[in-house]
Amino acid sequence: MKNVLIIVLVAVCFSCQKETNDDNGASLIFKFKFDPTQDRLNNLGQLAPMPTGHAGQSPEFNKMSAHYIELAPTALTALGTGEVLYRAEETTTGGSNAIDFDKSDFAGDGEVFYKVPLKNVKAGTYEWLRISLAYQNYNVKYFVDTVISGITVKQDFSGTVASFIGFNTYIKNYTINDRVITVNGNRKQGYWGFETTVNFNGVNYPFSATGQAPEGATTVVNPLFATSPVPPGSCVVTADFPGGGVTITGNETKDILVEISLSTNKSFEWIEVVNDGKWGPTKGEEVVDMGIRGMKLKLL
């Protein structure tokens, strides 16, 4: 009995040691950065000035979620044929196939979104990264210029936007800031929720609303549109690695940390009714785009 116990203890210790060594192995790590000063691009990866009659602001991001991460060896690599590292859980509970929002992962500015052991990544040199963004939560400012109970209000306020930019998302419920919105169904790309609290004469007035952006209105930056397009309605943002690519052997002893810098440069865009550069929802200024305006990669 004593010999059996010794064998079991040795086996357990060996197993724990092996697990510890695996945990200490090098990883490929992806970290988000939200940059309001980065170039503002269009769907083709070209510089995109604000259209006449439109205005925008750079939101203050709270968190972001992604649905898919893929390493592409070359510009000719078709979507899905590269090294797919991550795919969020999906469901058909709402009918058609959709991202399962309840099982999504989130990360804020400077936070790690995903990591994978380098030994589990197919060896090779990868020139491009594709990441399908799914959900974003951020703060915006808006301007109220109206008369309430005989009192003129001209003031900036802040609110929170929950924006679903994935191809299709199954949502039971979600929290914008404090307000919980129940859906129990699928929502296509461009669905959003908005929450704010207006303080008037010392009294707080909470307000929330939901809506749906027009189909195809969300900017999805893909400079490889001509060689490897992405399906309409998806949010697969594409960018190249600096220095000609990142090479992975699987024998690395140090982590490879990739900073995914996302352009939030006036990514919240609306049609102006009053040409003052301020979002005036009470004036009927309709939001037309909430898409990320570009992606840059940096190896840290």
Protein backbone atom coordinates (compact mmCIF):
# COMPACT_ATOMS: atom_id res chain seq x y z
CA MET A 1 0.00 0.00 0.00
CA LYS A 2 2.88 2.32 0.85
CA ASN A 3 4.52 1.72 -2.55
CA VAL A 4 1.23 2.43 -4.35
CA LEU A 5 0.85 5.71 -2.46
CA ILE A 6 4.38 6.77 -3.41
CA ILE A 7 3.71 6.02 -7.09
CA VAL A 8 0.49 8.04 -7.01
CA LEU A 9 2.20 11.01 -5.35
CA VAL A 10 5.05 10.93 -7.88
CA ALA A 11 2.55 10.81 -10.75
CA VAL A 12 0.59 13.74 -9.32
CA CYS A 13 3.75 15.81 -8.81
CA PHE A 14 4.94 15.04 -12.35
CA SER A 15 1.55 16.03 -13.73
CA CYS A 16 1.53 19.31 -11.80
CA GLN A 17 5.09 20.08 -12.90
CA LYS A 18 4.19 19.40 -16.53
CA GLU A 19 1.12 21.66 -16.30
CA THR A 20 3.20 24.45 -14.73
CA ASN A 21 5.78 24.22 -17.51
CA ASP A 22 3.03 24.44 -20.13
CA ASP A 23 1.56 27.48 -18.43
CA ASN A 24 4.98 29.16 -18.51
CA GLY A 25 5.36 28.62 -22.27
CA ALA A 26 5.45 31.55 -24.70
CA SER A 27 2.13 32.90 -25.94
CA LEU A 28 0.77 35.02 -28.75
CA ILE A 29 -1.09 37.84 -27.01
CA PHE A 30 -3.51 40.40 -28.45
CA LYS A 31 -4.14 43.66 -26.62
CA PHE A 32 -6.59 46.44 -27.55
CA LYS A 33 -5.74 50.12 -27.87
CA PHE A 34 -8.30 52.80 -28.80
CA ASP A 35 -6.74 55.80 -30.56
CA PRO A 36 -8.73 58.95 -31.43
CA THR A 37 -5.72 60.45 -33.28
CA GLN A 38 -5.17 57.55 -35.67
CA ASP A 39 -5.99 57.99 -39.37
CA ARG A 40 -9.70 57.95 -40.18
CA LEU A 41 -10.20 55.47 -43.03
CA ASN A 42 -13.01 54.24 -45.24
CA ASN A 43 -13.94 50.66 -46.16
CA LEU A 44 -11.01 50.39 -48.61
CA GLY A 45 -8.42 51.64 -46.13
CA GLN A 46 -8.18 55.09 -47.71
CA LEU A 47 -8.23 58.39 -45.83
CA ALA A 48 -11.84 59.42 -45.22
CA PRO A 49 -12.61 63.09 -44.62
CA MET A 50 -15.97 63.86 -43.05
CA PRO A 51 -18.66 64.07 -45.77
CA THR A 52 -20.32 67.42 -46.35
CA GLY A 53 -23.29 67.87 -44.05
CA HIS A 54 -22.01 65.26 -41.60
CA ALA A 55 -20.15 65.58 -38.31
CA GLY A 56 -18.55 63.16 -35.89
CA GLN A 57 -16.88 62.72 -32.55
CA SER A 58 -14.30 60.36 -31.10
CA PRO A 59 -16.02 58.37 -28.36
CA GLU A 60 -14.46 57.44 -25.02
CA PHE A 61 -14.31 53.65 -25.19
CA ASN A 62 -15.16 51.43 -22.25
CA LYS A 63 -14.82 47.97 -23.79
CA MET A 64 -14.77 46.01 -27.02
CA SER A 65 -15.55 42.45 -28.05
CA ALA A 66 -14.38 40.47 -31.08
CA HIS A 67 -15.88 37.45 -32.79
CA TYR A 68 -12.98 36.13 -34.86
CA ILE A 69 -9.17 36.39 -35.17
CA GLU A 70 -7.20 35.09 -38.15
CA LEU A 71 -3.57 35.33 -39.26
CA ALA A 72 -3.21 35.59 -43.06
CA PRO A 73 0.13 34.71 -44.74
CA THR A 74 -0.36 37.00 -47.75
CA ALA A 75 -2.72 39.54 -49.29
CA LEU A 76 -4.12 36.75 -51.48
CA THR A 77 -5.16 34.54 -48.56
CA ALA A 78 -8.94 34.16 -48.72
CA LEU A 79 -10.96 34.78 -45.58
CA GLY A 80 -11.05 31.63 -43.46
CA THR A 81 -8.10 29.91 -45.15
CA GLY A 82 -5.41 31.45 -42.93
CA GLU A 83 -4.62 30.43 -39.36
CA VAL A 84 -7.87 30.92 -37.47
CA LEU A 85 -6.94 31.47 -33.83
CA TYR A 86 -10.23 32.38 -32.24
CA ARG A 87 -13.93 32.19 -32.94
CA ALA A 88 -16.50 33.25 -30.36
CA GLU A 89 -19.38 30.94 -29.58
CA GLU A 90 -22.39 31.10 -31.89
CA THR A 91 -25.99 29.96 -31.57
CA THR A 92 -29.14 29.45 -33.62
CA THR A 93 -31.44 30.08 -30.65
CA GLY A 94 -32.74 33.25 -32.30
CA GLY A 95 -33.29 31.58 -35.68
CA SER A 96 -30.36 32.22 -38.02
CA ASN A 97 -26.77 31.67 -36.90
CA ALA A 98 -25.54 34.47 -34.63
CA ILE A 99 -22.85 35.44 -32.12
CA ASP A 100 -23.88 34.38 -28.62
CA PHE A 101 -23.54 37.67 -26.73
CA ASP A 102 -23.84 36.01 -23.32
CA LYS A 103 -20.66 34.03 -24.01
CA SER A 104 -18.61 36.86 -25.50
CA ASP A 105 -15.32 38.13 -24.04
CA PHE A 106 -14.55 41.82 -23.56
CA ALA A 107 -11.50 44.02 -23.06
CA GLY A 108 -10.89 47.70 -22.46
CA ASP A 109 -8.10 50.05 -23.52
CA GLY A 110 -4.70 48.49 -22.84
CA GLU A 111 -6.25 45.19 -21.80
CA VAL A 112 -5.54 41.72 -23.20
CA PHE A 113 -8.40 40.34 -25.26
CA TYR A 114 -6.99 36.95 -26.25
CA LYS A 115 -3.87 34.81 -25.84
CA VAL A 116 -2.86 31.44 -27.28
CA PRO A 117 0.26 29.30 -26.71
CA LEU A 118 2.64 29.82 -29.63
CA LYS A 119 3.20 26.07 -29.86
CA ASN A 120 -0.48 25.79 -30.87
CA VAL A 121 -0.10 28.24 -33.78
CA LYS A 122 0.85 26.85 -37.19
CA ALA A 123 4.46 27.79 -37.94
CA GLY A 124 4.96 30.34 -40.69
CA THR A 125 5.23 34.01 -41.56
CA TYR A 126 2.02 36.03 -41.46
CA GLU A 127 1.75 39.43 -43.12
CA TRP A 128 -1.84 40.30 -42.17
CA LEU A 129 -4.26 40.10 -39.26
CA ARG A 130 -8.03 39.90 -39.58
CA ILE A 131 -10.21 40.55 -36.57
CA SER A 132 -13.99 40.57 -36.67
CA LEU A 133 -15.27 43.12 -34.17
CA ALA A 134 -18.59 42.38 -32.54
CA TYR A 135 -19.56 44.83 -29.80
CA GLN A 136 -18.44 48.20 -28.51
CA ASN A 137 -19.44 50.24 -25.48
CA TYR A 138 -18.44 53.88 -25.22
CA ASN A 139 -19.37 57.32 -23.93
CA VAL A 140 -20.42 60.19 -26.19
CA LYS A 141 -21.41 63.81 -25.74
CA TYR A 142 -24.58 65.42 -27.04
CA PHE A 143 -26.02 68.92 -27.02
CA VAL A 144 -29.49 69.95 -25.92
CA ASP A 145 -30.82 73.27 -27.18
CA THR A 146 -34.50 73.50 -26.35
CA VAL A 147 -37.07 74.98 -23.99
CA ILE A 148 -38.39 72.86 -21.12
CA SER A 149 -41.23 74.21 -18.97
CA GLY A 150 -40.50 77.73 -20.14
CA ILE A 151 -36.78 77.43 -19.34
CA THR A 152 -34.17 77.51 -22.10
CA VAL A 153 -31.67 74.65 -21.92
CA LYS A 154 -28.39 74.96 -23.83
CA GLN A 155 -26.03 72.41 -22.41
CA ASP A 156 -23.73 69.50 -23.22
CA PHE A 157 -24.55 66.14 -21.67
CA SER A 158 -22.92 62.71 -21.81
CA GLY A 159 -24.41 59.32 -22.51
CA THR A 160 -23.38 55.72 -23.13
CA VAL A 161 -23.78 53.77 -26.36
CA ALA A 162 -23.86 49.98 -26.68
CA SER A 163 -23.22 49.19 -30.34
CA PHE A 164 -23.48 45.75 -31.93
CA ILE A 165 -21.37 45.66 -35.09
CA GLY A 166 -21.00 41.91 -35.61
CA PHE A 167 -22.73 40.18 -38.56
CA ASN A 168 -25.60 38.99 -36.35
CA THR A 169 -25.90 38.73 -32.56
CA TYR A 170 -28.24 36.74 -30.35
CA ILE A 171 -28.97 38.87 -27.28
CA LYS A 172 -30.93 37.81 -24.21
CA ASN A 173 -30.28 41.13 -22.49
CA TYR A 174 -27.46 43.64 -22.16
CA THR A 175 -26.52 46.55 -19.92
CA ILE A 176 -25.78 49.89 -21.57
CA ASN A 177 -24.51 51.69 -18.46
CA ASP A 178 -27.03 51.06 -15.69
CA ARG A 179 -30.07 50.26 -17.79
CA VAL A 180 -30.69 46.60 -18.68
CA ILE A 181 -32.28 46.10 -22.11
CA THR A 182 -34.08 42.81 -22.78
CA VAL A 183 -34.10 41.54 -26.38
CA ASN A 184 -34.37 37.72 -26.48
CA GLY A 185 -33.65 37.63 -30.19
CA ASN A 186 -31.19 38.21 -33.02
CA ARG A 187 -30.03 41.67 -34.03
CA LYS A 188 -28.18 42.49 -37.24
CA GLN A 189 -25.10 44.66 -37.57
CA GLY A 190 -25.86 48.25 -36.59
CA TYR A 191 -28.21 47.60 -33.66
CA TRP A 192 -27.57 49.99 -30.78
CA GLY A 193 -28.76 51.12 -27.36
CA PHE A 194 -28.30 54.55 -25.77
CA GLU A 195 -28.59 55.65 -22.14
CA THR A 196 -28.24 58.99 -20.41
CA THR A 197 -29.39 60.91 -17.35
CA VAL A 198 -30.33 64.58 -17.66
CA ASN A 199 -30.23 66.72 -14.54
CA PHE A 200 -32.78 69.52 -14.78
CA ASN A 201 -33.53 71.83 -11.85
CA GLY A 202 -31.85 69.39 -9.48
CA VAL A 203 -33.88 66.40 -10.66
CA ASN A 204 -32.37 63.45 -12.56
CA TYR A 205 -34.29 62.28 -15.60
CA PRO A 206 -33.04 58.93 -16.94
CA PHE A 207 -33.58 58.20 -20.62
CA SER A 208 -32.77 55.28 -22.89
CA ALA A 209 -33.47 54.33 -26.49
CA THR A 210 -32.61 51.63 -29.01
CA GLY A 211 -32.35 51.65 -32.77
CA GLN A 212 -31.00 50.02 -35.90
CA ALA A 213 -28.57 51.62 -38.36
CA PRO A 214 -29.28 51.11 -42.08
CA GLU A 215 -27.88 47.97 -43.67
CA GLY A 216 -24.35 48.49 -44.96
CA ALA A 217 -23.88 51.75 -43.06
CA THR A 218 -21.19 50.47 -40.67
CA THR A 219 -17.63 51.14 -41.85
CA VAL A 220 -15.45 47.98 -42.06
CA VAL A 221 -11.87 48.83 -43.05
CA ASN A 222 -10.35 46.23 -45.38
CA PRO A 223 -7.42 47.41 -47.54
CA LEU A 224 -7.40 43.91 -49.15
CA PHE A 225 -10.87 44.33 -50.61
CA ALA A 226 -9.62 43.64 -54.15
CA THR A 227 -7.70 40.44 -53.31
CA SER A 228 -9.55 38.96 -50.33
CA PRO A 229 -12.96 40.59 -49.74
CA VAL A 230 -15.09 39.96 -46.66
CA PRO A 231 -18.83 39.15 -46.71
CA PRO A 232 -21.24 42.11 -46.64
CA GLY A 233 -22.55 42.77 -43.15
CA SER A 234 -19.50 41.33 -41.41
CA CYS A 235 -17.05 43.46 -39.42
CA VAL A 236 -13.74 41.84 -40.37
CA VAL A 237 -11.20 44.64 -40.01
CA THR A 238 -7.83 43.97 -41.70
CA ALA A 239 -4.30 45.36 -41.21
CA ASP A 240 -0.72 44.38 -42.02
CA PHE A 241 2.01 43.59 -39.52
CA PRO A 242 4.97 46.00 -39.47
CA GLY A 243 8.30 44.92 -40.96
CA GLY A 244 6.84 42.54 -43.50
CA GLY A 245 5.08 40.23 -41.08
CA VAL A 246 5.42 38.19 -37.92
CA THR A 247 7.21 34.82 -38.03
CA ILE A 248 6.14 32.04 -35.69
CA THR A 249 8.15 28.84 -35.22
CA GLY A 250 6.40 27.29 -32.23
CA ASN A 251 9.72 27.14 -30.39
CA GLU A 252 9.60 30.66 -28.98
CA THR A 253 10.66 31.18 -25.38
CA LYS A 254 9.25 34.70 -25.11
CA ASP A 255 5.72 35.99 -25.66
CA ILE A 256 4.79 37.81 -28.85
CA LEU A 257 2.56 40.71 -27.84
CA VAL A 258 0.47 42.34 -30.58
CA GLU A 259 -1.07 45.74 -29.89
CA ILE A 260 -4.27 46.11 -31.91
CA SER A 261 -4.68 49.86 -32.24
CA LEU A 262 -8.19 50.74 -33.41
CA SER A 263 -8.97 54.16 -34.83
CA THR A 264 -11.83 55.85 -33.00
CA ASN A 265 -11.21 59.09 -34.93
CA LYS A 266 -14.73 60.54 -35.30
CA SER A 267 -16.06 57.00 -35.54
CA PHE A 268 -19.43 58.17 -34.18
CA GLU A 269 -20.90 60.02 -37.18
CA TRP A 270 -24.23 61.76 -37.76
CA ILE A 271 -26.03 63.94 -40.28
CA GLU A 272 -26.10 67.56 -39.15
CA VAL A 273 -29.33 69.51 -38.88
CA VAL A 274 -27.65 72.40 -37.04
CA ASN A 275 -24.13 72.95 -38.37
CA ASP A 276 -22.36 73.27 -35.04
CA GLY A 277 -20.31 70.04 -34.88
CA LYS A 278 -22.30 68.84 -31.88
CA TRP A 279 -24.60 65.84 -31.88
CA GLY A 280 -28.14 67.14 -31.33
CA PRO A 281 -30.51 64.16 -31.07
CA THR A 282 -33.37 66.47 -30.01
CA LYS A 283 -32.90 68.26 -33.35
CA GLY A 284 -33.29 65.02 -35.27
CA GLU A 285 -29.60 64.51 -36.02
CA GLU A 286 -29.48 60.87 -37.13
CA VAL A 287 -26.45 58.70 -36.38
CA VAL A 288 -25.33 56.98 -39.59
CA ASP A 289 -22.07 55.19 -38.71
CA MET A 290 -20.51 53.66 -35.60
CA GLY A 291 -17.78 51.60 -37.28
CA ILE A 292 -14.12 51.54 -36.25
CA ARG A 293 -12.07 53.71 -38.62
CA GLY A 294 -8.95 51.63 -39.09
CA MET A 295 -6.52 49.26 -37.43
CA LYS A 296 -2.77 49.37 -36.91
CA LEU A 297 -0.61 46.58 -35.49
CA LYS A 298 2.44 46.95 -33.29
CA LEU A 299 4.69 44.20 -31.96
CA LEU A 300 5.63 44.97 -28.36
